[in-house]
Amino acid sequence: MAEWLGNGVPPMTPDQWLRVHRDEDGLGIGGTVEDNGTVEDGGTVTSTGGRYFTSGAYRDTDDGKLDYEGFLSPAVLERYAQYMDKHRRQSDGVVRDSDNWQAGIPRNEYMKSGLRHVFDWWKAHRGLSCRDGIEDALCGVLFNACGYLHELLKEQRRGTTDG
């Protein structure tokens, strides 16, 4: 158990946390968890009032907060970055900035390109050969969907979206 320096709540085991309750003066020892607290992995007690860690640390709940760590895959993002980096070299040999696409590409261009990549994905899925393989096809779909959404969000911020 970690040494308690007297600030906040002393370090406790998860079982001890179950005996912690909130009262008008803050945290107290004894009784039950009044707001249906439950022990999660790592000895975290989550309650409607927040998350209390066995180290004595406290964090607000994560209710209503976006879970980027859960929604995104580092392996997918790394493969996508490799795809994007591979396609930075233009036909004239000039290497464009990584964020060049954010300067603006019409949505209809994203749609046309995106459908070509969807077609390649579909072919690969059916065991047919496609231009650059299924991973590049999927990265191309992702690029065009992200680009289309980027343009749509820009237009919405300017108030110029058709719906």
N, C-alpha and C. Protein backbone atom coordinates (compact mmCIF):
# COMPACT_ATOMS: atom_id res chain seq x y z
N MET A 1 0.86 -1.18 0.00
CA MET A 1 0.00 0.00 0.00
C MET A 1 0.90 1.24 0.00
N ALA A 2 0.53 2.25 -0.77
CA ALA A 2 1.31 3.48 -0.87
C ALA A 2 1.26 4.26 0.44
N GLU A 3 2.31 5.03 0.66
CA GLU A 3 2.38 5.87 1.86
C GLU A 3 1.43 7.04 1.72
N TRP A 4 0.66 7.30 2.77
CA TRP A 4 -0.28 8.40 2.74
C TRP A 4 0.38 9.63 3.35
N LEU A 5 0.37 10.74 2.61
CA LEU A 5 1.00 11.97 3.07
C LEU A 5 0.02 12.90 3.76
N GLY A 6 -1.20 12.44 3.95
CA GLY A 6 -2.17 13.26 4.67
C GLY A 6 -3.05 14.11 3.78
N ASN A 7 -2.83 14.13 2.47
CA ASN A 7 -3.67 14.91 1.57
C ASN A 7 -4.75 14.00 1.02
N GLY A 8 -5.96 14.48 0.90
CA GLY A 8 -7.03 13.71 0.29
C GLY A 8 -7.37 12.49 1.10
N VAL A 9 -7.66 11.42 0.40
CA VAL A 9 -8.09 10.18 1.02
C VAL A 9 -6.89 9.24 1.13
N PRO A 10 -6.71 8.57 2.27
CA PRO A 10 -5.58 7.64 2.36
C PRO A 10 -5.73 6.49 1.38
N PRO A 11 -4.62 5.92 0.90
CA PRO A 11 -4.70 4.78 -0.01
C PRO A 11 -5.46 3.63 0.63
N MET A 12 -6.29 2.97 -0.17
CA MET A 12 -7.11 1.88 0.34
C MET A 12 -7.18 0.76 -0.68
N THR A 13 -7.51 -0.41 -0.20
CA THR A 13 -7.76 -1.53 -1.11
C THR A 13 -9.17 -1.37 -1.67
N PRO A 14 -9.49 -2.05 -2.77
CA PRO A 14 -10.86 -1.97 -3.29
C PRO A 14 -11.92 -2.34 -2.25
N ASP A 15 -11.62 -3.35 -1.42
CA ASP A 15 -12.59 -3.72 -0.39
C ASP A 15 -12.82 -2.57 0.59
N GLN A 16 -11.75 -1.86 0.95
CA GLN A 16 -11.92 -0.73 1.85
C GLN A 16 -12.73 0.37 1.17
N TRP A 17 -12.54 0.52 -0.14
CA TRP A 17 -13.29 1.55 -0.85
C TRP A 17 -14.79 1.30 -0.78
N LEU A 18 -15.18 0.02 -0.75
CA LEU A 18 -16.60 -0.27 -0.67
C LEU A 18 -17.20 0.22 0.64
N ARG A 19 -16.35 0.43 1.63
CA ARG A 19 -16.86 0.92 2.91
C ARG A 19 -16.83 2.45 2.97
N VAL A 20 -16.33 3.07 1.91
CA VAL A 20 -16.26 4.53 1.88
C VAL A 20 -17.62 5.08 1.45
N HIS A 21 -18.05 6.14 2.09
CA HIS A 21 -19.30 6.76 1.68
C HIS A 21 -19.10 8.27 1.63
N ARG A 22 -19.96 8.92 0.92
CA ARG A 22 -19.92 10.37 0.82
C ARG A 22 -20.89 10.95 1.83
N ASP A 23 -20.43 11.92 2.60
CA ASP A 23 -21.34 12.63 3.48
C ASP A 23 -21.21 14.12 3.21
N GLU A 24 -21.87 14.94 3.96
CA GLU A 24 -21.86 16.38 3.70
C GLU A 24 -20.47 16.98 3.84
N ASP A 25 -19.61 16.37 4.62
CA ASP A 25 -18.27 16.90 4.85
C ASP A 25 -17.25 16.34 3.86
N GLY A 26 -17.66 15.51 2.94
CA GLY A 26 -16.71 14.90 2.00
C GLY A 26 -16.72 13.40 2.16
N LEU A 27 -15.56 12.78 2.09
CA LEU A 27 -15.47 11.33 2.20
C LEU A 27 -15.31 10.92 3.65
N GLY A 28 -15.96 9.86 4.02
CA GLY A 28 -15.81 9.31 5.35
C GLY A 28 -15.56 7.83 5.26
N ILE A 29 -15.06 7.23 6.29
CA ILE A 29 -14.79 5.80 6.32
C ILE A 29 -15.90 5.12 7.09
N GLY A 30 -16.37 3.99 6.59
CA GLY A 30 -17.43 3.25 7.26
C GLY A 30 -18.72 3.37 6.48
N GLY A 31 -19.71 2.58 6.85
CA GLY A 31 -20.99 2.64 6.17
C GLY A 31 -20.93 1.95 4.82
N THR A 32 -21.75 2.39 3.91
CA THR A 32 -21.81 1.81 2.57
C THR A 32 -21.66 2.92 1.55
N VAL A 33 -21.44 2.53 0.31
CA VAL A 33 -21.36 3.51 -0.75
C VAL A 33 -22.79 3.95 -1.04
N GLU A 34 -23.09 5.20 -0.75
CA GLU A 34 -24.46 5.68 -0.82
C GLU A 34 -24.99 5.82 -2.23
N ASP A 35 -24.12 6.04 -3.20
CA ASP A 35 -24.60 6.27 -4.56
C ASP A 35 -24.24 5.12 -5.49
N ASN A 36 -24.47 3.89 -5.00
CA ASN A 36 -24.30 2.69 -5.80
C ASN A 36 -22.91 2.54 -6.41
N GLY A 37 -21.88 2.86 -5.66
CA GLY A 37 -20.51 2.71 -6.15
C GLY A 37 -20.17 1.26 -6.41
N THR A 38 -19.38 1.01 -7.42
CA THR A 38 -18.94 -0.33 -7.74
C THR A 38 -17.45 -0.32 -7.98
N VAL A 39 -16.78 -1.40 -7.63
CA VAL A 39 -15.34 -1.49 -7.86
C VAL A 39 -15.11 -1.99 -9.27
N GLU A 40 -14.27 -1.28 -10.02
CA GLU A 40 -13.92 -1.68 -11.37
C GLU A 40 -12.49 -2.19 -11.38
N ASP A 41 -12.00 -2.60 -12.55
CA ASP A 41 -10.62 -3.05 -12.68
C ASP A 41 -9.67 -1.99 -12.17
N GLY A 42 -8.60 -2.42 -11.54
CA GLY A 42 -7.59 -1.50 -11.05
C GLY A 42 -7.97 -0.87 -9.72
N GLY A 43 -9.04 -1.35 -9.09
CA GLY A 43 -9.40 -0.81 -7.79
C GLY A 43 -10.08 0.54 -7.85
N THR A 44 -10.69 0.88 -8.95
CA THR A 44 -11.40 2.15 -9.08
C THR A 44 -12.82 1.99 -8.59
N VAL A 45 -13.28 2.88 -7.76
CA VAL A 45 -14.67 2.89 -7.36
C VAL A 45 -15.36 3.96 -8.17
N THR A 46 -16.36 3.57 -8.94
CA THR A 46 -17.11 4.53 -9.74
C THR A 46 -18.46 4.73 -9.08
N SER A 47 -18.84 5.98 -8.95
CA SER A 47 -20.15 6.29 -8.39
C SER A 47 -20.71 7.47 -9.16
N THR A 48 -21.95 7.84 -8.87
CA THR A 48 -22.54 8.97 -9.57
C THR A 48 -21.79 10.25 -9.27
N GLY A 49 -21.03 10.27 -8.17
CA GLY A 49 -20.29 11.47 -7.80
C GLY A 49 -18.90 11.54 -8.37
N GLY A 50 -18.39 10.46 -8.95
CA GLY A 50 -17.05 10.50 -9.51
C GLY A 50 -16.37 9.15 -9.39
N ARG A 51 -15.06 9.14 -9.64
CA ARG A 51 -14.25 7.92 -9.56
C ARG A 51 -13.18 8.13 -8.51
N TYR A 52 -13.09 7.21 -7.58
CA TYR A 52 -12.13 7.29 -6.49
C TYR A 52 -11.14 6.14 -6.67
N PHE A 53 -9.85 6.45 -6.71
CA PHE A 53 -8.83 5.45 -6.95
C PHE A 53 -8.19 5.06 -5.63
N THR A 54 -7.67 3.83 -5.58
CA THR A 54 -7.09 3.35 -4.33
C THR A 54 -5.88 4.16 -3.92
N SER A 55 -5.32 4.94 -4.81
CA SER A 55 -4.20 5.81 -4.47
C SER A 55 -4.65 7.03 -3.68
N GLY A 56 -5.97 7.27 -3.67
CA GLY A 56 -6.49 8.47 -3.04
C GLY A 56 -6.89 9.53 -4.04
N ALA A 57 -6.57 9.30 -5.31
CA ALA A 57 -6.91 10.28 -6.35
C ALA A 57 -8.40 10.22 -6.66
N TYR A 58 -8.92 11.33 -7.11
CA TYR A 58 -10.34 11.45 -7.47
C TYR A 58 -10.44 12.05 -8.85
N ARG A 59 -11.34 11.54 -9.67
CA ARG A 59 -11.66 12.11 -10.98
C ARG A 59 -13.16 12.17 -11.11
N ASP A 60 -13.64 13.14 -11.86
CA ASP A 60 -15.06 13.23 -12.17
C ASP A 60 -15.44 11.99 -12.96
N THR A 61 -16.72 11.72 -13.09
CA THR A 61 -17.14 10.58 -13.89
C THR A 61 -16.78 10.83 -15.35
N ASP A 62 -16.75 9.76 -16.13
CA ASP A 62 -16.52 9.95 -17.56
C ASP A 62 -17.81 9.84 -18.35
N ASP A 63 -18.93 9.90 -17.65
CA ASP A 63 -20.24 9.90 -18.31
C ASP A 63 -20.36 11.09 -19.26
N GLY A 64 -20.82 10.82 -20.45
CA GLY A 64 -21.03 11.88 -21.43
C GLY A 64 -19.76 12.37 -22.11
N LYS A 65 -18.62 11.75 -21.82
CA LYS A 65 -17.36 12.16 -22.45
C LYS A 65 -17.01 11.16 -23.54
N LEU A 66 -16.47 11.65 -24.64
CA LEU A 66 -16.12 10.78 -25.76
C LEU A 66 -14.94 9.89 -25.39
N ASP A 67 -15.01 8.63 -25.76
CA ASP A 67 -13.97 7.65 -25.44
C ASP A 67 -13.11 7.39 -26.68
N TYR A 68 -12.23 8.35 -27.00
CA TYR A 68 -11.39 8.21 -28.18
C TYR A 68 -10.55 6.93 -28.11
N GLU A 69 -10.06 6.59 -26.94
CA GLU A 69 -9.22 5.41 -26.79
C GLU A 69 -10.00 4.14 -27.17
N GLY A 70 -11.26 4.12 -26.85
CA GLY A 70 -12.07 2.96 -27.19
C GLY A 70 -12.59 2.97 -28.61
N PHE A 71 -12.84 4.16 -29.14
CA PHE A 71 -13.43 4.28 -30.48
C PHE A 71 -12.41 4.09 -31.59
N LEU A 72 -11.14 4.35 -31.31
CA LEU A 72 -10.12 4.31 -32.35
C LEU A 72 -9.16 3.15 -32.14
N SER A 73 -8.59 2.67 -33.22
CA SER A 73 -7.61 1.58 -33.17
C SER A 73 -6.25 2.14 -33.58
N PRO A 74 -5.24 2.04 -32.70
CA PRO A 74 -3.92 2.53 -33.08
C PRO A 74 -3.37 1.80 -34.31
N ALA A 75 -3.66 0.52 -34.45
CA ALA A 75 -3.17 -0.23 -35.61
C ALA A 75 -3.78 0.30 -36.90
N VAL A 76 -5.07 0.62 -36.86
CA VAL A 76 -5.75 1.16 -38.05
C VAL A 76 -5.21 2.54 -38.37
N LEU A 77 -5.08 3.39 -37.34
CA LEU A 77 -4.58 4.75 -37.58
C LEU A 77 -3.15 4.74 -38.11
N GLU A 78 -2.33 3.81 -37.61
CA GLU A 78 -0.96 3.71 -38.12
C GLU A 78 -0.95 3.28 -39.58
N ARG A 79 -1.76 2.28 -39.91
CA ARG A 79 -1.82 1.82 -41.31
C ARG A 79 -2.36 2.91 -42.22
N TYR A 80 -3.35 3.66 -41.74
CA TYR A 80 -3.90 4.77 -42.51
C TYR A 80 -2.84 5.84 -42.73
N ALA A 81 -2.06 6.16 -41.71
CA ALA A 81 -0.98 7.16 -41.85
C ALA A 81 0.05 6.69 -42.86
N GLN A 82 0.36 5.39 -42.87
CA GLN A 82 1.30 4.86 -43.86
C GLN A 82 0.73 5.03 -45.27
N TYR A 83 -0.55 4.75 -45.43
CA TYR A 83 -1.22 4.93 -46.72
C TYR A 83 -1.15 6.39 -47.16
N MET A 84 -1.48 7.29 -46.23
CA MET A 84 -1.48 8.71 -46.55
C MET A 84 -0.07 9.18 -46.91
N ASP A 85 0.93 8.73 -46.18
CA ASP A 85 2.30 9.13 -46.46
C ASP A 85 2.75 8.63 -47.83
N LYS A 86 2.37 7.40 -48.17
CA LYS A 86 2.71 6.81 -49.47
C LYS A 86 2.13 7.64 -50.62
N HIS A 87 0.98 8.25 -50.39
CA HIS A 87 0.30 9.00 -51.46
C HIS A 87 0.58 10.50 -51.43
N ARG A 88 1.60 10.92 -50.69
CA ARG A 88 1.96 12.35 -50.67
C ARG A 88 2.70 12.77 -51.94
N ARG A 89 3.38 11.82 -52.58
CA ARG A 89 4.14 12.15 -53.80
C ARG A 89 3.18 12.26 -54.97
N GLN A 90 3.18 13.44 -55.58
CA GLN A 90 2.31 13.71 -56.72
C GLN A 90 2.94 13.17 -58.00
N SER A 91 2.16 13.12 -59.06
CA SER A 91 2.66 12.58 -60.33
C SER A 91 3.85 13.36 -60.88
N ASP A 92 3.99 14.64 -60.50
CA ASP A 92 5.13 15.44 -60.96
C ASP A 92 6.33 15.29 -60.04
N GLY A 93 6.24 14.42 -59.01
CA GLY A 93 7.35 14.17 -58.11
C GLY A 93 7.38 15.05 -56.87
N VAL A 94 6.57 16.09 -56.84
CA VAL A 94 6.52 16.99 -55.69
C VAL A 94 5.79 16.28 -54.53
N VAL A 95 6.37 16.42 -53.34
CA VAL A 95 5.73 15.84 -52.15
C VAL A 95 4.87 16.92 -51.50
N ARG A 96 3.59 16.65 -51.39
CA ARG A 96 2.66 17.63 -50.81
C ARG A 96 2.66 17.52 -49.29
N ASP A 97 2.24 18.59 -48.63
CA ASP A 97 2.10 18.59 -47.18
C ASP A 97 1.09 17.53 -46.76
N SER A 98 1.28 16.99 -45.58
CA SER A 98 0.39 15.93 -45.10
C SER A 98 -1.05 16.41 -44.94
N ASP A 99 -1.23 17.70 -44.68
CA ASP A 99 -2.59 18.22 -44.50
C ASP A 99 -3.12 18.93 -45.74
N ASN A 100 -2.49 18.69 -46.88
CA ASN A 100 -2.88 19.34 -48.13
C ASN A 100 -4.36 19.16 -48.45
N TRP A 101 -4.90 18.00 -48.17
CA TRP A 101 -6.31 17.70 -48.47
C TRP A 101 -7.26 18.63 -47.73
N GLN A 102 -6.82 19.17 -46.59
CA GLN A 102 -7.69 20.04 -45.80
C GLN A 102 -7.88 21.41 -46.44
N ALA A 103 -7.09 21.72 -47.46
CA ALA A 103 -7.24 22.99 -48.17
C ALA A 103 -8.56 23.04 -48.93
N GLY A 104 -9.10 21.87 -49.25
CA GLY A 104 -10.42 21.84 -49.88
C GLY A 104 -10.45 21.03 -51.15
N ILE A 105 -11.20 19.98 -51.14
CA ILE A 105 -11.47 19.16 -52.31
C ILE A 105 -12.99 19.07 -52.39
N PRO A 106 -13.57 19.29 -53.56
CA PRO A 106 -15.04 19.24 -53.66
C PRO A 106 -15.59 17.87 -53.24
N ARG A 107 -16.74 17.90 -52.61
CA ARG A 107 -17.35 16.66 -52.12
C ARG A 107 -17.62 15.66 -53.25
N ASN A 108 -17.97 16.16 -54.43
CA ASN A 108 -18.23 15.22 -55.52
C ASN A 108 -16.97 14.44 -55.92
N GLU A 109 -15.79 15.04 -55.75
CA GLU A 109 -14.52 14.33 -56.03
C GLU A 109 -14.30 13.23 -55.01
N TYR A 110 -14.58 13.54 -53.73
CA TYR A 110 -14.48 12.50 -52.69
C TYR A 110 -15.44 11.35 -52.99
N MET A 111 -16.65 11.66 -53.43
CA MET A 111 -17.64 10.63 -53.71
C MET A 111 -17.16 9.73 -54.84
N LYS A 112 -16.70 10.33 -55.94
CA LYS A 112 -16.25 9.53 -57.08
C LYS A 112 -15.07 8.63 -56.71
N SER A 113 -14.08 9.22 -56.03
CA SER A 113 -12.91 8.45 -55.61
C SER A 113 -13.29 7.39 -54.58
N GLY A 114 -14.15 7.79 -53.64
CA GLY A 114 -14.57 6.86 -52.59
C GLY A 114 -15.26 5.64 -53.16
N LEU A 115 -16.11 5.83 -54.16
CA LEU A 115 -16.80 4.69 -54.76
C LEU A 115 -15.85 3.77 -55.52
N ARG A 116 -14.80 4.35 -56.12
CA ARG A 116 -13.79 3.50 -56.76
C ARG A 116 -13.12 2.61 -55.71
N HIS A 117 -12.81 3.19 -54.55
CA HIS A 117 -12.18 2.40 -53.48
C HIS A 117 -13.16 1.38 -52.89
N VAL A 118 -14.42 1.74 -52.78
CA VAL A 118 -15.43 0.78 -52.32
C VAL A 118 -15.52 -0.38 -53.30
N PHE A 119 -15.47 -0.08 -54.58
CA PHE A 119 -15.52 -1.12 -55.59
C PHE A 119 -14.32 -2.06 -55.44
N ASP A 120 -13.12 -1.50 -55.23
CA ASP A 120 -11.92 -2.33 -55.01
C ASP A 120 -12.07 -3.18 -53.74
N TRP A 121 -12.61 -2.58 -52.69
CA TRP A 121 -12.84 -3.31 -51.44
C TRP A 121 -13.79 -4.49 -51.69
N TRP A 122 -14.87 -4.21 -52.41
CA TRP A 122 -15.86 -5.23 -52.71
C TRP A 122 -15.24 -6.37 -53.52
N LYS A 123 -14.45 -6.01 -54.55
CA LYS A 123 -13.79 -7.03 -55.35
C LYS A 123 -12.87 -7.89 -54.49
N ALA A 124 -12.07 -7.25 -53.65
CA ALA A 124 -11.15 -8.01 -52.79
C ALA A 124 -11.94 -8.90 -51.83
N HIS A 125 -13.03 -8.39 -51.32
CA HIS A 125 -13.88 -9.17 -50.42
C HIS A 125 -14.42 -10.42 -51.11
N ARG A 126 -14.69 -10.32 -52.39
CA ARG A 126 -15.22 -11.44 -53.17
C ARG A 126 -14.11 -12.33 -53.74
N GLY A 127 -12.85 -12.03 -53.37
CA GLY A 127 -11.73 -12.86 -53.83
C GLY A 127 -11.19 -12.49 -55.19
N LEU A 128 -11.61 -11.35 -55.71
CA LEU A 128 -11.13 -10.88 -57.01
C LEU A 128 -9.94 -9.94 -56.78
N SER A 129 -9.13 -9.79 -57.81
CA SER A 129 -8.00 -8.87 -57.66
C SER A 129 -8.51 -7.43 -57.79
N CYS A 130 -7.82 -6.55 -57.07
CA CYS A 130 -8.15 -5.13 -57.15
C CYS A 130 -6.85 -4.35 -57.32
N ARG A 131 -6.96 -3.07 -57.54
CA ARG A 131 -5.80 -2.25 -57.89
C ARG A 131 -4.63 -2.40 -56.92
N ASP A 132 -4.83 -2.09 -55.65
CA ASP A 132 -3.69 -2.03 -54.72
C ASP A 132 -3.87 -2.88 -53.47
N GLY A 133 -4.81 -3.81 -53.49
CA GLY A 133 -5.02 -4.67 -52.33
C GLY A 133 -6.09 -4.11 -51.41
N ILE A 134 -6.60 -4.99 -50.56
CA ILE A 134 -7.73 -4.63 -49.72
C ILE A 134 -7.38 -3.55 -48.68
N GLU A 135 -6.15 -3.58 -48.13
CA GLU A 135 -5.79 -2.57 -47.13
C GLU A 135 -5.79 -1.17 -47.73
N ASP A 136 -5.18 -1.03 -48.90
CA ASP A 136 -5.19 0.29 -49.55
C ASP A 136 -6.61 0.69 -49.93
N ALA A 137 -7.43 -0.27 -50.37
CA ALA A 137 -8.81 0.04 -50.71
C ALA A 137 -9.54 0.59 -49.49
N LEU A 138 -9.36 -0.07 -48.34
CA LEU A 138 -10.02 0.39 -47.11
C LEU A 138 -9.49 1.75 -46.66
N CYS A 139 -8.19 1.95 -46.78
CA CYS A 139 -7.62 3.26 -46.43
C CYS A 139 -8.15 4.34 -47.37
N GLY A 140 -8.33 4.00 -48.64
CA GLY A 140 -8.90 4.96 -49.60
C GLY A 140 -10.34 5.30 -49.26
N VAL A 141 -11.11 4.30 -48.84
CA VAL A 141 -12.48 4.55 -48.40
C VAL A 141 -12.46 5.49 -47.20
N LEU A 142 -11.58 5.19 -46.25
CA LEU A 142 -11.48 6.01 -45.04
C LEU A 142 -11.09 7.45 -45.39
N PHE A 143 -10.10 7.61 -46.27
CA PHE A 143 -9.67 8.96 -46.67
C PHE A 143 -10.82 9.74 -47.29
N ASN A 144 -11.53 9.12 -48.21
CA ASN A 144 -12.60 9.83 -48.90
C ASN A 144 -13.78 10.13 -47.99
N ALA A 145 -14.10 9.21 -47.09
CA ALA A 145 -15.17 9.46 -46.12
C ALA A 145 -14.77 10.59 -45.17
N CYS A 146 -13.53 10.57 -44.70
CA CYS A 146 -13.05 11.65 -43.80
C CYS A 146 -13.02 12.99 -44.53
N GLY A 147 -12.53 12.98 -45.76
CA GLY A 147 -12.47 14.22 -46.53
C GLY A 147 -13.85 14.79 -46.80
N TYR A 148 -14.78 13.92 -47.17
CA TYR A 148 -16.15 14.35 -47.43
C TYR A 148 -16.75 14.96 -46.16
N LEU A 149 -16.58 14.26 -45.04
CA LEU A 149 -17.10 14.76 -43.77
C LEU A 149 -16.43 16.07 -43.38
N HIS A 150 -15.14 16.18 -43.63
CA HIS A 150 -14.40 17.43 -43.34
C HIS A 150 -15.02 18.60 -44.11
N GLU A 151 -15.28 18.40 -45.39
CA GLU A 151 -15.88 19.46 -46.20
C GLU A 151 -17.30 19.78 -45.74
N LEU A 152 -18.06 18.75 -45.41
CA LEU A 152 -19.43 18.95 -44.93
C LEU A 152 -19.43 19.77 -43.63
N LEU A 153 -18.55 19.42 -42.70
CA LEU A 153 -18.47 20.15 -41.43
C LEU A 153 -18.01 21.60 -41.64
N LYS A 154 -17.06 21.79 -42.56
CA LYS A 154 -16.64 23.18 -42.88
C LYS A 154 -17.81 23.99 -43.39
N GLU A 155 -18.59 23.40 -44.29
CA GLU A 155 -19.75 24.10 -44.85
C GLU A 155 -20.79 24.39 -43.77
N GLN A 156 -21.00 23.45 -42.88
CA GLN A 156 -21.97 23.67 -41.80
C GLN A 156 -21.53 24.83 -40.89
N ARG A 157 -20.24 24.90 -40.62
CA ARG A 157 -19.73 26.00 -39.78
C ARG A 157 -19.95 27.35 -40.47
N ARG A 158 -19.85 27.35 -41.80
CA ARG A 158 -20.07 28.59 -42.57
C ARG A 158 -21.55 28.82 -42.84
N GLY A 159 -22.38 27.80 -42.58
CA GLY A 159 -23.81 27.92 -42.83
C GLY A 159 -24.17 27.79 -44.29
N THR A 160 -23.39 27.03 -45.06
CA THR A 160 -23.64 26.93 -46.50
C THR A 160 -24.00 25.53 -46.95
N THR A 161 -24.32 24.63 -46.01
CA THR A 161 -24.64 23.25 -46.39
C THR A 161 -26.06 23.15 -46.93
N ASP A 162 -26.21 22.34 -47.95
CA ASP A 162 -27.53 22.14 -48.56
C ASP A 162 -28.37 21.11 -47.81
N GLY A 163 -27.96 20.65 -46.69
CA GLY A 163 -28.76 19.67 -45.98
C GLY A 163 -27.93 18.63 -45.45
